[in-house]
């Protein structure tokens, strides 16, 4: 039974852990730094004079840029 546990842990180590490093966009990606780098601000709602380009942390906040 211990050998099965060893192979199961080995399978997870070989498949899942490298995938998390290779595809971070499927995890929680923080876009606040990129938004601030482009002179944007993370807000819940953009004004009429601003352009919404992306989400910041969660789908409720937007990166708003001045026109």
Foldseek 3Di string as FASTA:
>chain_A
DVVVVVVVVVVCVVPVVVVCVVCVVVDFDACQVVLVVLVWDKDQDEDPQWDFDAHGGDPRITTTHGD
